[in-house]
């Protein structure tokens, strides 16, 4: 199942800089691991925002929920999820 996910990060302005740096490093490590596993298929930064557009390829809504909940920055995110399905005009057979 494919999901388009917009994540906007809102770290508190008074957050300890070392804590923020550690959260970001942990987030990067997990994001890269999930990409290597094929779960986090695409990841794009949104210019001018601390936000991204991502495409997840997971087996269920529950799996997506569980992955998002384990993101280190999750408590500071506004997340919008949109389920996607293959367009009949797509030339990509793996878009399912």
Protein backbone atom coordinates (compact mmCIF):
# COMPACT_ATOMS: atom_id res chain seq x y z
CA UNK A 1 0.00 0.00 0.00
CA UNK A 2 1.31 3.42 -0.94
CA UNK A 3 0.81 6.48 1.21
CA UNK A 4 1.72 10.10 0.51
CA UNK A 5 2.72 11.70 3.80
CA UNK A 6 3.41 15.36 4.48
CA UNK A 7 5.39 15.92 7.67
CA UNK A 8 5.93 19.39 9.10
CA UNK A 9 8.32 19.66 12.04
CA UNK A 10 7.78 22.29 14.74
CA UNK A 11 10.54 22.07 17.31
CA UNK A 12 10.04 24.32 20.36
CA UNK A 13 12.09 27.50 20.06
CA UNK A 14 13.47 26.92 23.55
CA UNK A 15 14.52 23.29 22.92
CA UNK A 16 18.06 22.52 24.04
CA UNK A 17 20.24 22.64 20.87
CA UNK A 18 22.04 19.42 21.79
CA UNK A 19 18.70 17.64 22.25
CA UNK A 20 17.48 18.96 18.89
CA UNK A 21 20.69 17.83 17.18
CA UNK A 22 20.37 14.33 18.68
CA UNK A 23 16.73 14.01 17.62
CA UNK A 24 17.63 15.06 14.07
CA UNK A 25 20.52 12.58 13.92
CA UNK A 26 18.31 9.76 15.21
CA UNK A 27 15.57 10.73 12.73
CA UNK A 28 18.04 10.67 9.83
CA UNK A 29 19.37 7.25 10.80
CA UNK A 30 15.89 5.74 11.03
CA UNK A 31 14.72 7.41 7.80
CA UNK A 32 17.72 6.04 5.93
CA UNK A 33 17.21 2.55 7.37
CA UNK A 34 13.53 2.57 6.33
CA UNK A 35 14.52 3.74 2.84
CA UNK A 36 17.05 0.91 2.57
CA UNK A 37 14.29 -1.52 3.58
CA UNK A 38 12.00 -0.12 0.86
CA UNK A 39 9.38 1.08 3.36
CA UNK A 40 10.13 4.80 2.89
CA UNK A 41 10.18 4.87 -0.90
CA UNK A 42 10.62 8.60 -1.53
CA UNK A 43 11.65 11.57 0.60
CA UNK A 44 11.63 15.19 -0.60
CA UNK A 45 12.33 18.37 1.33
CA UNK A 46 9.82 21.20 0.87
CA UNK A 47 11.79 24.33 0.01
CA UNK A 48 11.60 27.04 2.63
CA UNK A 49 9.93 24.84 5.28
CA UNK A 50 11.07 22.36 7.89
CA UNK A 51 8.87 19.80 6.18
CA UNK A 52 8.90 16.96 3.69
CA UNK A 53 6.75 15.03 1.29
CA UNK A 54 7.28 11.29 1.49
CA UNK A 55 5.91 8.13 -0.06
CA UNK A 56 5.72 5.04 2.13
CA UNK A 57 5.25 1.53 0.75
CA UNK A 58 3.87 -0.59 3.59
CA UNK A 59 1.63 -3.62 4.03
CA UNK A 60 -1.09 -1.89 6.04
CA UNK A 61 -2.37 1.31 7.58
CA UNK A 62 -1.29 -0.08 10.94
CA UNK A 63 2.27 -0.57 9.71
CA UNK A 64 2.38 3.04 8.51
CA UNK A 65 1.02 4.23 11.85
CA UNK A 66 3.64 2.21 13.74
CA UNK A 67 6.48 3.54 11.55
CA UNK A 68 5.39 7.15 11.97
CA UNK A 69 4.98 6.76 15.73
CA UNK A 70 8.58 5.56 16.11
CA UNK A 71 10.08 8.60 14.36
CA UNK A 72 12.14 10.54 16.91
CA UNK A 73 10.65 13.84 15.72
CA UNK A 74 7.07 12.49 15.75
CA UNK A 75 6.02 14.42 18.90
CA UNK A 76 6.91 17.65 17.09
CA UNK A 77 5.26 16.87 13.75
CA UNK A 78 2.03 17.79 12.05
CA UNK A 79 1.34 14.87 9.70
CA UNK A 80 -1.11 14.53 6.82
CA UNK A 81 -1.56 11.07 5.27
CA UNK A 82 -3.16 10.34 1.91
CA UNK A 83 -3.66 6.79 0.64
CA UNK A 84 -2.70 6.29 -2.99
CA UNK A 85 -3.37 3.66 -5.61
CA UNK A 86 -1.90 3.00 -9.02
CA UNK A 87 -3.21 5.19 -11.82
CA UNK A 88 -4.35 3.17 -14.86
CA UNK A 89 -2.21 5.36 -17.16
CA UNK A 90 0.97 4.84 -15.16
CA UNK A 91 3.81 3.14 -16.99
CA UNK A 92 5.34 2.01 -13.68
CA UNK A 93 4.31 -1.54 -12.86
CA UNK A 94 5.67 -1.27 -9.30
CA UNK A 95 3.28 1.55 -8.36
CA UNK A 96 0.81 -0.57 -6.47
